[in-house]
C-alpha atoms as a PDB file:
ATOM      1  CA  MET A   1    -126.279  12.418 -42.995  1.00  0.00           C
ATOM      2  CA  ASN A   2    -127.709  15.708 -41.764  1.00  0.00           C
ATOM      3  CA  GLY A   3    -128.366  17.241 -45.161  1.00  0.00           C
ATOM      4  CA  LEU A   4    -124.992  18.982 -44.934  1.00  0.00           C
ATOM      5  CA  THR A   5    -122.199  16.569 -44.077  1.00  0.00           C
ATOM      6  CA  PRO A   6    -121.966  13.055 -42.624  1.00  0.00           C
ATOM      7  CA  LEU A   7    -121.553  12.604 -38.888  1.00  0.00           C
ATOM      8  CA  CYS A   8    -118.283  11.177 -37.653  1.00  0.00           C
ATOM      9  CA  PRO A   9    -118.979   7.726 -36.164  1.00  0.00           C
ATOM     10  CA  TYR A  10    -116.115   8.193 -33.695  1.00  0.00           C
ATOM     11  CA  CYS A  11    -116.879  11.583 -32.087  1.00  0.00           C
ATOM     12  CA  GLY A  12    -120.397  12.305 -33.334  1.00  0.00           C
ATOM     13  CA  GLN A  13    -119.471  15.684 -34.812  1.00  0.00           C
ATOM     14  CA  PHE A  14    -120.284  16.837 -38.323  1.00  0.00           C
ATOM     15  CA  SER A  15    -117.532  16.305 -40.861  1.00  0.00           C
ATOM     16  CA  ALA A  16    -116.210  19.035 -43.136  1.00  0.00           C
ATOM     17  CA  LYS A  17    -116.402  18.910 -46.922  1.00  0.00           C
ATOM     18  CA  VAL A  18    -112.852  19.286 -48.226  1.00  0.00           C
ATOM     19  CA  GLY A  19    -110.861  18.907 -51.407  1.00  0.00           C
ATOM     20  CA  GLY A  20    -108.471  16.064 -52.001  1.00  0.00           C
ATOM     21  CA  ASP A  21    -105.536  18.334 -51.208  1.00  0.00           C
ATOM     22  CA  ALA A  22    -106.594  18.296 -47.524  1.00  0.00           C
ATOM     23  CA  ILE A  23    -106.395  14.484 -47.411  1.00  0.00           C
ATOM     24  CA  TYR A  24    -103.661  13.780 -49.938  1.00  0.00           C
ATOM     25  CA  PRO A  25    -101.458  16.918 -50.219  1.00  0.00           C
ATOM     26  CA  HIS A  26     -98.755  14.843 -51.949  1.00  0.00           C
ATOM     27  CA  ARG A  27    -101.197  13.619 -54.646  1.00  0.00           C
ATOM     28  CA  PRO A  28    -102.062  16.474 -57.031  1.00  0.00           C
ATOM     29  CA  ASP A  29    -104.053  13.991 -59.126  1.00  0.00           C
ATOM     30  CA  LEU A  30    -106.557  13.720 -56.224  1.00  0.00           C
ATOM     31  CA  HIS A  31    -106.819  17.418 -55.345  1.00  0.00           C
ATOM     32  CA  HIS A  32    -109.980  17.874 -57.430  1.00  0.00           C
ATOM     33  CA  LYS A  33    -111.860  15.108 -55.600  1.00  0.00           C
ATOM     34  CA  VAL A  34    -114.362  15.768 -52.794  1.00  0.00           C
ATOM     35  CA  PHE A  35    -114.016  14.226 -49.331  1.00  0.00           C
ATOM     36  CA  TYR A  36    -115.653  14.515 -45.937  1.00  0.00           C
ATOM     37  CA  LEU A  37    -113.158  14.873 -43.092  1.00  0.00           C
ATOM     38  CA  CYS A  38    -113.354  14.839 -39.312  1.00  0.00           C
ATOM     39  CA  SER A  39    -110.048  16.517 -38.454  1.00  0.00           C
ATOM     40  CA  PRO A  40    -109.948  15.600 -34.733  1.00  0.00           C
ATOM     41  CA  CYS A  41    -110.430  11.886 -35.543  1.00  0.00           C
ATOM     42  CA  ASN A  42    -108.516  11.916 -38.850  1.00  0.00           C
ATOM     43  CA  ALA A  43    -111.497  10.053 -40.272  1.00  0.00           C
ATOM     44  CA  TYR A  44    -112.532  10.654 -43.858  1.00  0.00           C
ATOM     45  CA  VAL A  45    -114.457   9.284 -46.798  1.00  0.00           C
ATOM     46  CA  GLY A  46    -114.443  10.065 -50.493  1.00  0.00           C
ATOM     47  CA  THR A  47    -117.477  10.787 -52.630  1.00  0.00           C
ATOM     48  CA  HIS A  48    -118.982   9.273 -55.746  1.00  0.00           C
ATOM     49  CA  PRO A  49    -117.496  11.013 -58.799  1.00  0.00           C
ATOM     50  CA  GLY A  50    -119.291  14.217 -59.705  1.00  0.00           C
ATOM     51  CA  THR A  51    -121.449  14.175 -56.555  1.00  0.00           C
ATOM     52  CA  ASP A  52    -121.353  15.017 -52.867  1.00  0.00           C
ATOM     53  CA  GLN A  53    -122.582  11.496 -51.992  1.00  0.00           C
ATOM     54  CA  PRO A  54    -120.177   9.704 -49.615  1.00  0.00           C
ATOM     55  CA  LEU A  55    -118.734   6.402 -50.783  1.00  0.00           C
ATOM     56  CA  GLY A  56    -119.446   4.926 -47.356  1.00  0.00           C
ATOM     57  CA  ARG A  57    -118.791   5.892 -43.770  1.00  0.00           C
ATOM     58  CA  LEU A  58    -115.983   8.018 -42.420  1.00  0.00           C
ATOM     59  CA  ALA A  59    -113.036   5.794 -41.552  1.00  0.00           C
ATOM     60  CA  ASP A  60    -110.156   6.286 -39.164  1.00  0.00           C
ATOM     61  CA  ALA A  61    -106.698   4.795 -39.767  1.00  0.00           C
ATOM     62  CA  GLU A  62    -107.615   1.388 -38.323  1.00  0.00           C
ATOM     63  CA  LEU A  63    -110.769   1.057 -40.408  1.00  0.00           C
ATOM     64  CA  ARG A  64    -108.977   2.258 -43.546  1.00  0.00           C
ATOM     65  CA  HIS A  65    -106.419  -0.502 -42.941  1.00  0.00           C
ATOM     66  CA  TRP A  66    -109.150  -3.154 -42.683  1.00  0.00           C
ATOM     67  CA  LYS A  67    -111.084  -1.822 -45.682  1.00  0.00           C
ATOM     68  CA  SER A  68    -107.912  -2.015 -47.747  1.00  0.00           C
ATOM     69  CA  ARG A  69    -107.319  -5.614 -46.630  1.00  0.00           C
ATOM     70  CA  THR A  70    -110.935  -6.445 -47.453  1.00  0.00           C
ATOM     71  CA  HIS A  71    -110.553  -5.080 -50.970  1.00  0.00           C
ATOM     72  CA  VAL A  72    -107.382  -7.156 -51.394  1.00  0.00           C
ATOM     73  CA  ALA A  73    -109.399 -10.273 -50.500  1.00  0.00           C
ATOM     74  CA  PHE A  74    -112.662  -9.416 -52.293  1.00  0.00           C
ATOM     75  CA  ASP A  75    -111.708  -7.626 -55.511  1.00  0.00           C
ATOM     76  CA  PRO A  76    -109.790 -10.499 -57.150  1.00  0.00           C
ATOM     77  CA  ILE A  77    -112.838 -12.742 -56.630  1.00  0.00           C
ATOM     78  CA  TRP A  78    -115.264 -10.551 -58.544  1.00  0.00           C
ATOM     79  CA  GLN A  79    -112.570  -9.717 -61.123  1.00  0.00           C
ATOM     80  CA  ARG A  80    -111.941 -13.419 -61.837  1.00  0.00           C
ATOM     81  CA  ARG A  81    -115.693 -13.952 -62.163  1.00  0.00           C
ATOM     82  CA  PHE A  82    -115.876 -11.050 -64.623  1.00  0.00           C
ATOM     83  CA  GLU A  83    -113.034 -12.435 -66.748  1.00  0.00           C
ATOM     84  CA  ARG A  84    -114.565 -15.952 -66.842  1.00  0.00           C
ATOM     85  CA  LYS A  85    -118.072 -14.773 -67.723  1.00  0.00           C
ATOM     86  CA  ARG A  86    -116.878 -12.093 -70.151  1.00  0.00           C
ATOM     87  CA  ALA A  87    -114.986 -14.754 -72.120  1.00  0.00           C
ATOM     88  CA  ILE A  88    -118.317 -16.532 -72.674  1.00  0.00           C
ATOM     89  CA  ASP A  89    -120.579 -13.478 -72.978  1.00  0.00           C
ATOM     90  CA  PRO A  90    -119.012 -10.234 -74.259  1.00  0.00           C
ATOM     91  CA  SER A  91    -122.015  -8.259 -72.955  1.00  0.00           C
ATOM     92  CA  TYR A  92    -121.265  -9.277 -69.353  1.00  0.00           C
ATOM     93  CA  LYS A  93    -120.305  -6.160 -67.351  1.00  0.00           C
ATOM     94  CA  LYS A  94    -117.958  -5.611 -64.400  1.00  0.00           C
ATOM     95  CA  GLY A  95    -120.856  -4.304 -62.311  1.00  0.00           C
ATOM     96  CA  MET A  96    -122.703  -7.564 -62.827  1.00  0.00           C
ATOM     97  CA  ALA A  97    -119.769  -9.563 -61.473  1.00  0.00           C
ATOM     98  CA  ARG A  98    -119.148  -7.206 -58.550  1.00  0.00           C
ATOM     99  CA  GLY A  99    -122.845  -6.922 -57.701  1.00  0.00           C
ATOM    100  CA  GLY A 100    -123.296 -10.678 -57.804  1.00  0.00           C
ATOM    101  CA  ARG A 101    -120.404 -11.262 -55.446  1.00  0.00           C
ATOM    102  CA  TYR A 102    -121.678  -8.557 -53.067  1.00  0.00           C
ATOM    103  CA  ARG A 103    -125.098 -10.230 -53.156  1.00  0.00           C
ATOM    104  CA  ARG A 104    -123.554 -13.569 -52.209  1.00  0.00           C
ATOM    105  CA  LEU A 105    -121.366 -11.949 -49.550  1.00  0.00           C
ATOM    106  CA  ALA A 106    -124.479 -10.356 -48.020  1.00  0.00           C
ATOM    107  CA  GLU A 107    -126.143 -13.763 -47.848  1.00  0.00           C
ATOM    108  CA  LEU A 108    -123.108 -15.323 -46.187  1.00  0.00           C
ATOM    109  CA  MET A 109    -122.770 -12.439 -43.724  1.00  0.00           C
ATOM    110  CA  GLY A 110    -126.499 -12.473 -42.968  1.00  0.00           C
ATOM    111  CA  ILE A 111    -126.980  -8.794 -43.774  1.00  0.00           C
ATOM    112  CA  PRO A 112    -129.233  -6.972 -46.270  1.00  0.00           C
ATOM    113  CA  ARG A 113    -127.675  -6.484 -49.700  1.00  0.00           C
ATOM    114  CA  LYS A 114    -128.083  -2.709 -49.426  1.00  0.00           C
ATOM    115  CA  GLU A 115    -125.792  -2.742 -46.362  1.00  0.00           C
ATOM    116  CA  CYS A 116    -123.204  -4.997 -47.958  1.00  0.00           C
ATOM    117  CA  HIS A 117    -120.468  -2.807 -49.322  1.00  0.00           C
ATOM    118  CA  ILE A 118    -116.916  -2.475 -48.068  1.00  0.00           C
ATOM    119  CA  GLY A 119    -117.412   1.288 -47.856  1.00  0.00           C
ATOM    120  CA  MET A 120    -120.110   0.752 -45.232  1.00  0.00           C
ATOM    121  CA  PHE A 121    -118.306  -1.896 -43.167  1.00  0.00           C
ATOM    122  CA  ASP A 122    -116.883  -1.477 -39.691  1.00  0.00           C
ATOM    123  CA  VAL A 123    -113.755  -3.360 -38.584  1.00  0.00           C
ATOM    124  CA  ALA A 124    -115.675  -6.486 -37.501  1.00  0.00           C
ATOM    125  CA  ALA A 125    -117.559  -6.660 -40.816  1.00  0.00           C
ATOM    126  CA  CYS A 126    -114.287  -6.272 -42.730  1.00  0.00           C
ATOM    127  CA  GLN A 127    -112.740  -9.115 -40.759  1.00  0.00           C
ATOM    128  CA  ARG A 128    -115.782 -11.342 -41.370  1.00  0.00           C
ATOM    129  CA  ALA A 129    -115.768 -10.542 -45.099  1.00  0.00           C
ATOM    130  CA  ILE A 130    -112.073 -11.425 -45.316  1.00  0.00           C
ATOM    131  CA  GLU A 131    -112.754 -14.783 -43.620  1.00  0.00           C
ATOM    132  CA  ILE A 132    -115.522 -15.511 -46.131  1.00  0.00           C
ATOM    133  CA  CYS A 133    -113.325 -14.520 -49.086  1.00  0.00           C
ATOM    134  CA  GLN A 134    -110.484 -16.707 -47.844  1.00  0.00           C
ATOM    135  CA  SER A 135    -112.843 -19.657 -47.298  1.00  0.00           C
ATOM    136  CA  GLY A 136    -113.578 -19.894 -51.014  1.00  0.00           C
ATOM    137  CA  ALA A 137    -117.335 -19.533 -50.437  1.00  0.00           C
ATOM    138  CA  LEU A 138    -117.568 -16.637 -52.938  1.00  0.00           C
ATOM    139  CA  GLU A 139    -115.911 -18.520 -55.765  1.00  0.00           C
ATOM    140  CA  ASP A 140    -118.016 -20.327 -58.333  1.00  0.00           C
END
């Protein structure tokens, strides 16, 4: 990030900070959200609620497809873990389950934990994460 907006990983140009209406004109419920958009590449990323911090890297249509598939594979794993542990310990939080599964995924992918988040993945990392999720290696 250049202090202003994230660089587009596809063309190398600075992205533009836009409202949700620029990305999702048909979704008024998202118009208030902040995004970074590279119009020529149609690559964008959302931001953490109430901040200008990107949720990951700008993603084009192909990467958005793979990130979505990765969430479909990964999210049920941490959600099942949360439900199992919460039944035993009511103080167990969703973030603990999600963070623990990301920690294990990082180990299995051989990457630092701080780099292990679907929002930061490229297509190859998404595909590898899906393989790991489907292998059962993240279940306990």
